[in-house]
Amino acid sequence: MPLTHFDAQGDAHMVDVSDKPVTSRVATAEGHISMAQQTFDIISQGRAKKGDVLGVARLAGIMGAKKTPDLIPLCHPLPVTKVAVDLTLDPDLPGVRISATVKTTGQTGVEMEALTAVSTAALTVYDMTKAVDKAMVISGIRVMLKDGGKSGRYEVI
């Protein structure tokens, strides 16, 4: 299957979606940030000097999803109708698991918005706690679900 963001000459371009039907679309992405036990304890006990780490990261993830076309050059601006970002403390990492679901009714999917929401939330956790743990690792960011449009449903099971 050819890459859609390159024209016949190999130059990057925005895909023309004007002839695609408007359909309901949804995408979910996930990822996590691993950290030292001390950092996990600070977050879980609400002792971070910058404030409510998970609450701020949730808002940052929502904002990130809405700003995706400003960050990713060939993304279409979409009428995002819902963004849900969930951050869950996981003592087994230790760290925070992040999931984002984005919905729209449009002519192209919202996978990039879901991925950007997870990435932005993880970066915010890092930013808010980097004073105590610069060795945190953001990883596992991937699309878990994409549905709607011509290509149909994709889901990691």
C-alpha atoms as a PDB file:
ATOM      1  CA  MET A   1       0.000   0.000   0.000  1.00  0.00           C
ATOM      2  CA  PRO A   2       1.496   3.374  -0.989  1.00  0.00           C
ATOM      3  CA  LEU A   3       2.010   6.137   1.567  1.00  0.00           C
ATOM      4  CA  THR A   4      -0.817   8.657   1.229  1.00  0.00           C
ATOM      5  CA  HIS A   5       1.083  11.774   2.299  1.00  0.00           C
ATOM      6  CA  PHE A   6       3.369  11.787  -0.762  1.00  0.00           C
ATOM      7  CA  ASP A   7       2.412  12.767  -4.288  1.00  0.00           C
ATOM      8  CA  ALA A   8       3.592  11.082  -7.527  1.00  0.00           C
ATOM      9  CA  GLN A   9       6.836  13.084  -7.408  1.00  0.00           C
ATOM     10  CA  GLY A  10       7.544  11.999  -3.820  1.00  0.00           C
ATOM     11  CA  ASP A  11       6.753  15.395  -2.297  1.00  0.00           C
ATOM     12  CA  ALA A  12       4.848  15.614   0.979  1.00  0.00           C
ATOM     13  CA  HIS A  13       1.280  16.892   0.643  1.00  0.00           C
ATOM     14  CA  MET A  14      -1.974  17.024   2.558  1.00  0.00           C
ATOM     15  CA  VAL A  15      -4.333  14.241   1.501  1.00  0.00           C
ATOM     16  CA  ASP A  16      -7.479  15.478  -0.259  1.00  0.00           C
ATOM     17  CA  VAL A  17     -10.457  14.194   1.735  1.00  0.00           C
ATOM     18  CA  SER A  18     -13.074  16.425   0.088  1.00  0.00           C
ATOM     19  CA  ASP A  19     -14.771  13.506  -1.710  1.00  0.00           C
ATOM     20  CA  LYS A  20     -14.873  11.230   1.339  1.00  0.00           C
ATOM     21  CA  PRO A  21     -18.205  10.867   3.125  1.00  0.00           C
ATOM     22  CA  VAL A  22     -18.713  12.377   6.570  1.00  0.00           C
ATOM     23  CA  THR A  23     -18.921   9.531   9.099  1.00  0.00           C
ATOM     24  CA  SER A  24     -18.643   9.065  12.856  1.00  0.00           C
ATOM     25  CA  ARG A  25     -15.071   8.266  13.805  1.00  0.00           C
ATOM     26  CA  VAL A  26     -13.327   7.291  17.016  1.00  0.00           C
ATOM     27  CA  ALA A  27      -9.779   6.463  18.019  1.00  0.00           C
ATOM     28  CA  THR A  28      -8.188   5.350  21.273  1.00  0.00           C
ATOM     29  CA  ALA A  29      -4.483   5.473  22.060  1.00  0.00           C
ATOM     30  CA  GLU A  30      -2.492   4.449  25.112  1.00  0.00           C
ATOM     31  CA  GLY A  31       0.954   4.862  26.608  1.00  0.00           C
ATOM     32  CA  HIS A  32       2.685   5.115  29.947  1.00  0.00           C
ATOM     33  CA  ILE A  33       5.383   6.910  31.871  1.00  0.00           C
ATOM     34  CA  SER A  34       7.626   4.934  34.199  1.00  0.00           C
ATOM     35  CA  MET A  35       9.350   6.585  37.144  1.00  0.00           C
ATOM     36  CA  ALA A  36      11.205   6.066  40.384  1.00  0.00           C
ATOM     37  CA  GLN A  37       9.177   4.848  43.352  1.00  0.00           C
ATOM     38  CA  GLN A  38       9.770   8.187  45.119  1.00  0.00           C
ATOM     39  CA  THR A  39       8.200  10.069  42.183  1.00  0.00           C
ATOM     40  CA  PHE A  40       5.256   7.669  42.092  1.00  0.00           C
ATOM     41  CA  ASP A  41       4.715   8.239  45.814  1.00  0.00           C
ATOM     42  CA  ILE A  42       4.810  12.029  45.398  1.00  0.00           C
ATOM     43  CA  ILE A  43       2.165  11.877  42.655  1.00  0.00           C
ATOM     44  CA  SER A  44      -0.049   9.320  44.388  1.00  0.00           C
ATOM     45  CA  GLN A  45       0.068  11.239  47.680  1.00  0.00           C
ATOM     46  CA  GLY A  46      -0.612  14.603  46.001  1.00  0.00           C
ATOM     47  CA  ARG A  47       2.679  16.120  47.188  1.00  0.00           C
ATOM     48  CA  ALA A  48       3.983  17.534  43.884  1.00  0.00           C
ATOM     49  CA  LYS A  49       5.101  21.138  44.299  1.00  0.00           C
ATOM     50  CA  LYS A  50       3.504  22.137  40.970  1.00  0.00           C
ATOM     51  CA  GLY A  51       0.061  20.831  42.011  1.00  0.00           C
ATOM     52  CA  ASP A  52      -2.343  18.113  40.881  1.00  0.00           C
ATOM     53  CA  VAL A  53      -0.174  16.195  38.414  1.00  0.00           C
ATOM     54  CA  LEU A  54      -2.883  13.901  37.051  1.00  0.00           C
ATOM     55  CA  GLY A  55      -5.507  16.646  36.793  1.00  0.00           C
ATOM     56  CA  VAL A  56      -3.190  19.018  34.951  1.00  0.00           C
ATOM     57  CA  ALA A  57      -1.959  16.207  32.673  1.00  0.00           C
ATOM     58  CA  ARG A  58      -5.571  15.293  31.831  1.00  0.00           C
ATOM     59  CA  LEU A  59      -6.294  18.881  30.766  1.00  0.00           C
ATOM     60  CA  ALA A  60      -3.031  19.041  28.798  1.00  0.00           C
ATOM     61  CA  GLY A  61      -3.993  15.846  26.954  1.00  0.00           C
ATOM     62  CA  ILE A  62      -7.365  17.308  26.010  1.00  0.00           C
ATOM     63  CA  MET A  63      -5.708  20.503  24.815  1.00  0.00           C
ATOM     64  CA  GLY A  64      -3.112  18.498  22.888  1.00  0.00           C
ATOM     65  CA  ALA A  65      -5.804  16.604  20.993  1.00  0.00           C
ATOM     66  CA  LYS A  66      -7.462  19.879  20.007  1.00  0.00           C
ATOM     67  CA  LYS A  67      -4.137  21.370  18.842  1.00  0.00           C
ATOM     68  CA  THR A  68      -2.959  18.374  16.782  1.00  0.00           C
ATOM     69  CA  PRO A  69      -3.168  20.084  13.356  1.00  0.00           C
ATOM     70  CA  ASP A  70      -1.021  22.920  14.758  1.00  0.00           C
ATOM     71  CA  LEU A  71       1.693  20.394  15.694  1.00  0.00           C
ATOM     72  CA  ILE A  72       1.595  17.750  12.947  1.00  0.00           C
ATOM     73  CA  PRO A  73       2.058  19.490   9.577  1.00  0.00           C
ATOM     74  CA  LEU A  74      -0.204  17.341   7.367  1.00  0.00           C
ATOM     75  CA  CYS A  75      -3.082  16.703   9.806  1.00  0.00           C
ATOM     76  CA  HIS A  76      -6.463  18.096   8.868  1.00  0.00           C
ATOM     77  CA  PRO A  77      -8.176  20.411  11.344  1.00  0.00           C
ATOM     78  CA  LEU A  78     -11.173  18.437  12.576  1.00  0.00           C
ATOM     79  CA  PRO A  79     -14.281  19.284  14.571  1.00  0.00           C
ATOM     80  CA  VAL A  80     -13.319  17.205  17.606  1.00  0.00           C
ATOM     81  CA  THR A  81     -16.556  16.355  19.413  1.00  0.00           C
ATOM     82  CA  LYS A  82     -15.140  14.486  22.423  1.00  0.00           C
ATOM     83  CA  VAL A  83     -11.788  13.945  24.094  1.00  0.00           C
ATOM     84  CA  ALA A  84     -11.493  11.724  27.167  1.00  0.00           C
ATOM     85  CA  VAL A  85      -8.088  11.285  28.807  1.00  0.00           C
ATOM     86  CA  ASP A  86      -7.664   8.792  31.635  1.00  0.00           C
ATOM     87  CA  LEU A  87      -4.557   8.636  33.809  1.00  0.00           C
ATOM     88  CA  THR A  88      -4.190   5.663  36.146  1.00  0.00           C
ATOM     89  CA  LEU A  89      -1.503   5.173  38.749  1.00  0.00           C
ATOM     90  CA  ASP A  90       0.147   1.783  38.270  1.00  0.00           C
ATOM     91  CA  PRO A  91       2.345   0.671  41.195  1.00  0.00           C
ATOM     92  CA  ASP A  92       3.717  -2.222  39.114  1.00  0.00           C
ATOM     93  CA  LEU A  93       5.532   0.152  36.724  1.00  0.00           C
ATOM     94  CA  PRO A  94       5.783   2.255  38.934  1.00  0.00           C
ATOM     95  CA  GLY A  95       4.210   5.042  36.920  1.00  0.00           C
ATOM     96  CA  VAL A  96       1.131   6.311  35.166  1.00  0.00           C
ATOM     97  CA  ARG A  97      -0.840   4.590  32.425  1.00  0.00           C
ATOM     98  CA  ILE A  98      -2.538   6.982  30.012  1.00  0.00           C
ATOM     99  CA  SER A  99      -5.443   6.358  27.644  1.00  0.00           C
ATOM    100  CA  ALA A 100      -7.155   8.849  25.346  1.00  0.00           C
ATOM    101  CA  THR A 101     -10.292   8.476  23.251  1.00  0.00           C
ATOM    102  CA  VAL A 102     -11.174  11.070  20.623  1.00  0.00           C
ATOM    103  CA  LYS A 103     -14.381  11.312  18.590  1.00  0.00           C
ATOM    104  CA  THR A 104     -15.456  13.338  15.585  1.00  0.00           C
ATOM    105  CA  THR A 105     -17.894  13.330  12.733  1.00  0.00           C
ATOM    106  CA  GLY A 106     -15.813  14.068   9.694  1.00  0.00           C
ATOM    107  CA  GLN A 107     -14.010  12.934   6.568  1.00  0.00           C
ATOM    108  CA  THR A 108     -10.848  11.591   8.179  1.00  0.00           C
ATOM    109  CA  GLY A 109      -9.899   9.781  11.363  1.00  0.00           C
ATOM    110  CA  VAL A 110      -8.723  10.988  14.757  1.00  0.00           C
ATOM    111  CA  GLU A 111      -5.819   8.614  15.443  1.00  0.00           C
ATOM    112  CA  MET A 112      -3.309  11.467  15.476  1.00  0.00           C
ATOM    113  CA  GLU A 113      -5.435  13.407  17.948  1.00  0.00           C
ATOM    114  CA  ALA A 114      -5.603  10.411  20.314  1.00  0.00           C
ATOM    115  CA  LEU A 115      -1.838   9.845  20.037  1.00  0.00           C
ATOM    116  CA  THR A 116      -1.156  13.534  20.638  1.00  0.00           C
ATOM    117  CA  ALA A 117      -3.424  13.532  23.698  1.00  0.00           C
ATOM    118  CA  VAL A 118      -1.495  10.627  25.253  1.00  0.00           C
ATOM    119  CA  SER A 119       1.867  12.163  24.367  1.00  0.00           C
ATOM    120  CA  THR A 120       0.955  15.576  25.746  1.00  0.00           C
ATOM    121  CA  ALA A 121      -0.405  14.103  28.977  1.00  0.00           C
ATOM    122  CA  ALA A 122       2.774  12.047  29.461  1.00  0.00           C
ATOM    123  CA  LEU A 123       4.994  15.050  28.762  1.00  0.00           C
ATOM    124  CA  THR A 124       3.022  17.046  31.319  1.00  0.00           C
ATOM    125  CA  VAL A 125       3.558  14.382  33.987  1.00  0.00           C
ATOM    126  CA  TYR A 126       7.264  14.582  33.172  1.00  0.00           C
ATOM    127  CA  ASP A 127       7.297  18.378  33.305  1.00  0.00           C
ATOM    128  CA  MET A 128       5.511  18.536  36.633  1.00  0.00           C
ATOM    129  CA  THR A 129       7.830  16.031  38.353  1.00  0.00           C
ATOM    130  CA  LYS A 130      11.172  16.383  36.564  1.00  0.00           C
ATOM    131  CA  ALA A 131      12.633  18.262  39.530  1.00  0.00           C
ATOM    132  CA  VAL A 132      12.697  14.981  41.467  1.00  0.00           C
ATOM    133  CA  ASP A 133      13.136  12.466  38.616  1.00  0.00           C
ATOM    134  CA  LYS A 134      14.797  13.314  35.318  1.00  0.00           C
ATOM    135  CA  ALA A 135      15.107   9.607  34.415  1.00  0.00           C
ATOM    136  CA  MET A 136      11.386   9.014  33.763  1.00  0.00           C
ATOM    137  CA  VAL A 137      10.652   7.094  30.560  1.00  0.00           C
ATOM    138  CA  ILE A 138       7.677   7.708  28.278  1.00  0.00           C
ATOM    139  CA  SER A 139       6.875   4.637  26.189  1.00  0.00           C
ATOM    140  CA  GLY A 140       4.328   2.307  24.678  1.00  0.00           C
ATOM    141  CA  ILE A 141       2.400   5.025  22.858  1.00  0.00           C
ATOM    142  CA  ARG A 142       0.229   3.355  20.234  1.00  0.00           C
ATOM    143  CA  VAL A 143      -3.206   3.274  18.635  1.00  0.00           C
ATOM    144  CA  MET A 144      -5.464   0.711  20.291  1.00  0.00           C
ATOM    145  CA  LEU A 145      -8.688   1.390  18.366  1.00  0.00           C
ATOM    146  CA  LYS A 146      -9.670   3.178  15.189  1.00  0.00           C
ATOM    147  CA  ASP A 147     -13.177   2.968  13.819  1.00  0.00           C
ATOM    148  CA  GLY A 148     -15.177   4.741  11.138  1.00  0.00           C
ATOM    149  CA  GLY A 149     -14.513   5.567   7.533  1.00  0.00           C
ATOM    150  CA  LYS A 150     -13.671   3.416   4.523  1.00  0.00           C
ATOM    151  CA  SER A 151     -10.884   1.410   6.128  1.00  0.00           C
ATOM    152  CA  GLY A 152     -13.229   0.158   8.846  1.00  0.00           C
ATOM    153  CA  ARG A 153     -12.281  -0.983  12.311  1.00  0.00           C
ATOM    154  CA  TYR A 154      -8.776  -1.592  13.663  1.00  0.00           C
ATOM    155  CA  GLU A 155      -8.413  -2.831  17.217  1.00  0.00           C
ATOM    156  CA  VAL A 156      -5.570  -4.250  19.264  1.00  0.00           C
ATOM    157  CA  ILE A 157      -6.884  -7.220  21.195  1.00  0.00           C
END
